[in-house]
Amino acid sequence: MSAIQIISIGRKLSNIYAELCLPICRKYGINQTCFDILLFFANHPSHNTARDICAVRGIKSGIASVSVETLIRSGLLVRTEDPRDRRKHRLSLKEQAAPIVSEGQKMQAYFSDVLRRNISEAEVQVFRELADKLEANLASFSKRGEAE
C-alpha cells in the first residue's frame, strides 16, 4: 500500500466522520473542534488538560485554547486548578455536556461498527500493530519532514 493510498483512506475516514458529527454539532450549536474536545474528555478521562488535547488528539494549541474557552463559557466544561501544581489546570465535563457526549459516543460506536464489518478480530489486532508502527515512524520525522 502506498503512502498516497493511506492518505486517501485517512481523508475519506475523516470526511465521513465529520458528516456523521454534523447533525449533532448543529443540534447543540457547537463546532466540530468543540465536539471533538467533549468526546475526547469523555473517552479519555485521565487526559484532562489542554496540553493533553494537543498532544493526544493533535489539535493545535491556539485552536484548542479558543475551543476550551468556548466550552467553559457555554457551561459544558469546567476548569479547576491542580492542587499539586498550581500552574496546571484540569478540565472536566459538566453535567450539561452529557446529552452531547451520549449522542456522540453512539455515533462513534456506529462508525466503528461500520468500519469493522467483515473484518475479523485478528485482522483488527494486526491493524492496531501496524498503526502503532506507522505512528512511531511518523514521530521520527522532524518538522522539516526529515527522518531523525
Protein backbone atom coordinates (compact mmCIF):
# COMPACT_ATOMS: atom_id res chain seq x y z
CA MET A 1 0.00 0.00 0.00
CA SER A 2 1.42 3.39 -0.96
CA ALA A 3 1.55 6.46 1.23
CA ILE A 4 -0.95 8.15 -1.08
CA GLN A 5 -3.44 5.30 -0.54
CA ILE A 6 -3.05 5.62 3.21
CA ILE A 7 -3.58 9.39 3.00
CA SER A 8 -6.62 8.87 0.79
CA ILE A 9 -8.18 6.41 3.25
CA GLY A 10 -7.45 8.81 6.11
CA ARG A 11 -9.17 11.68 4.32
CA LYS A 12 -12.19 9.53 3.47
CA LEU A 13 -12.46 8.41 7.10
CA SER A 14 -12.17 11.99 8.30
CA ASN A 15 -14.77 13.28 5.86
CA ILE A 16 -17.31 10.56 6.67
CA TYR A 17 -16.74 11.05 10.42
CA ALA A 18 -17.30 14.80 10.03
CA GLU A 19 -20.53 14.12 8.12
CA LEU A 20 -21.76 11.92 10.98
CA CYS A 21 -20.83 14.61 13.53
CA LEU A 22 -22.52 17.46 11.69
CA PRO A 23 -26.14 16.80 12.76
CA ILE A 24 -25.09 16.56 16.42
CA CYS A 25 -22.98 19.72 16.18
CA ARG A 26 -25.87 21.60 14.57
CA LYS A 27 -28.36 20.30 17.13
CA TYR A 28 -26.29 21.61 20.03
CA GLY A 29 -24.83 24.68 18.32
CA ILE A 30 -21.19 23.71 18.64
CA ASN A 31 -18.42 23.35 16.08
CA GLN A 32 -16.51 20.19 15.22
CA THR A 33 -13.50 21.04 17.39
CA CYS A 34 -15.65 21.67 20.46
CA PHE A 35 -17.46 18.40 19.80
CA ASP A 36 -14.14 16.56 19.43
CA ILE A 37 -12.88 18.01 22.71
CA LEU A 38 -16.01 16.98 24.62
CA LEU A 39 -15.75 13.42 23.31
CA PHE A 40 -12.01 13.35 23.96
CA PHE A 41 -12.55 14.16 27.65
CA ALA A 42 -15.42 11.68 27.89
CA ASN A 43 -13.45 8.88 26.23
CA HIS A 44 -10.10 9.63 27.94
CA PRO A 45 -10.83 10.88 31.48
CA SER A 46 -7.20 10.54 32.57
CA HIS A 47 -6.21 13.06 29.88
CA ASN A 48 -7.75 16.19 31.33
CA THR A 49 -5.65 19.18 30.34
CA ALA A 50 -5.49 21.41 27.29
CA ARG A 51 -1.98 20.08 26.72
CA ASP A 52 -3.41 16.54 26.54
CA ILE A 53 -5.85 17.64 23.83
CA CYS A 54 -2.96 18.92 21.77
CA ALA A 55 -0.59 16.02 22.39
CA VAL A 56 -3.01 13.11 22.15
CA ARG A 57 -5.72 14.41 19.82
CA GLY A 58 -3.41 16.54 17.65
CA ILE A 59 -5.43 19.74 17.88
CA LYS A 60 -3.27 22.87 17.53
CA SER A 61 -2.81 24.76 20.79
CA GLY A 62 -4.43 28.01 19.62
CA ILE A 63 -7.50 26.22 18.31
CA ALA A 64 -7.71 24.07 21.45
CA SER A 65 -7.46 27.14 23.67
CA VAL A 66 -10.26 29.01 21.89
CA SER A 67 -12.46 25.90 21.87
CA VAL A 68 -11.89 25.19 25.56
CA GLU A 69 -12.80 28.79 26.43
CA THR A 70 -15.95 28.49 24.29
CA LEU A 71 -16.94 25.28 26.07
CA ILE A 72 -16.32 26.83 29.50
CA ARG A 73 -18.43 29.90 28.62
CA SER A 74 -21.14 27.58 27.28
CA GLY A 75 -21.28 25.73 30.60
CA LEU A 76 -20.11 22.42 29.12
CA LEU A 77 -16.60 22.30 30.66
CA VAL A 78 -15.17 23.44 33.96
CA ARG A 79 -11.55 24.39 34.68
CA THR A 80 -10.07 23.70 38.11
CA GLU A 81 -6.62 24.35 39.48
CA ASP A 82 -4.50 21.25 40.07
CA PRO A 83 -3.98 21.01 43.86
CA ARG A 84 -0.45 19.62 43.41
CA ASP A 85 0.70 22.09 40.72
CA ARG A 86 -0.95 25.50 40.55
CA ARG A 87 0.46 26.03 37.04
CA LYS A 88 -1.78 23.24 35.73
CA HIS A 89 -5.49 23.41 35.17
CA ARG A 90 -7.66 20.34 34.93
CA LEU A 91 -10.66 20.31 32.62
CA SER A 92 -13.76 18.24 33.22
CA LEU A 93 -17.15 17.81 31.67
CA LYS A 94 -20.16 19.42 33.29
CA GLU A 95 -23.49 17.63 33.52
CA GLN A 96 -24.83 19.83 30.69
CA ALA A 97 -22.44 18.06 28.29
CA ALA A 98 -23.99 14.63 28.96
CA PRO A 99 -26.54 14.61 26.09
CA ILE A 100 -23.92 15.74 23.57
CA VAL A 101 -21.47 13.11 24.81
CA SER A 102 -24.12 10.39 24.77
CA GLU A 103 -25.14 11.11 21.19
CA GLY A 104 -21.51 11.47 20.17
CA GLN A 105 -20.49 8.15 21.68
CA LYS A 106 -23.43 6.40 20.00
CA MET A 107 -22.34 7.90 16.68
CA GLN A 108 -18.73 6.80 17.29
CA ALA A 109 -19.88 3.25 18.09
CA TYR A 110 -21.94 3.16 14.88
CA PHE A 111 -18.97 4.47 12.86
CA SER A 112 -16.68 1.87 14.42
CA ASP A 113 -19.18 -0.94 13.75
CA VAL A 114 -19.49 0.06 10.09
CA LEU A 115 -15.71 0.20 9.70
CA ARG A 116 -15.26 -3.24 11.27
CA ARG A 117 -17.78 -5.03 9.04
CA ASN A 118 -16.26 -8.16 7.52
CA ILE A 119 -13.04 -7.66 9.50
CA SER A 120 -12.01 -10.34 11.99
CA GLU A 121 -10.65 -9.61 15.48
CA ALA A 122 -7.29 -10.99 14.33
CA GLU A 123 -7.25 -8.51 11.44
CA VAL A 124 -8.16 -5.68 13.82
CA GLN A 125 -5.21 -6.64 16.04
CA VAL A 126 -2.84 -6.70 13.05
CA PHE A 127 -4.13 -3.27 12.04
CA ARG A 128 -3.56 -1.92 15.57
CA GLU A 129 0.03 -3.16 15.48
CA LEU A 130 0.56 -1.65 12.03
CA ALA A 131 -0.98 1.67 13.12
CA ASP A 132 1.33 1.78 16.16
CA LYS A 133 4.35 1.24 13.90
CA LEU A 134 3.17 3.90 11.46
CA GLU A 135 2.69 6.38 14.31
CA ALA A 136 6.18 5.62 15.62
CA ASN A 137 7.62 6.15 12.14
CA LEU A 138 5.74 9.43 11.80
CA ALA A 139 7.05 10.59 15.18
CA SER A 140 10.59 10.19 13.86
CA PHE A 141 10.07 12.93 11.28
CA SER A 142 11.25 16.41 12.13
CA LYS A 143 9.11 19.43 11.35
CA ARG A 144 11.02 19.79 8.07
CA GLY A 145 9.89 16.34 7.01
CA GLU A 146 13.24 14.67 7.52
CA ALA A 147 13.65 11.42 9.44
CA GLU A 148 15.60 11.97 12.64
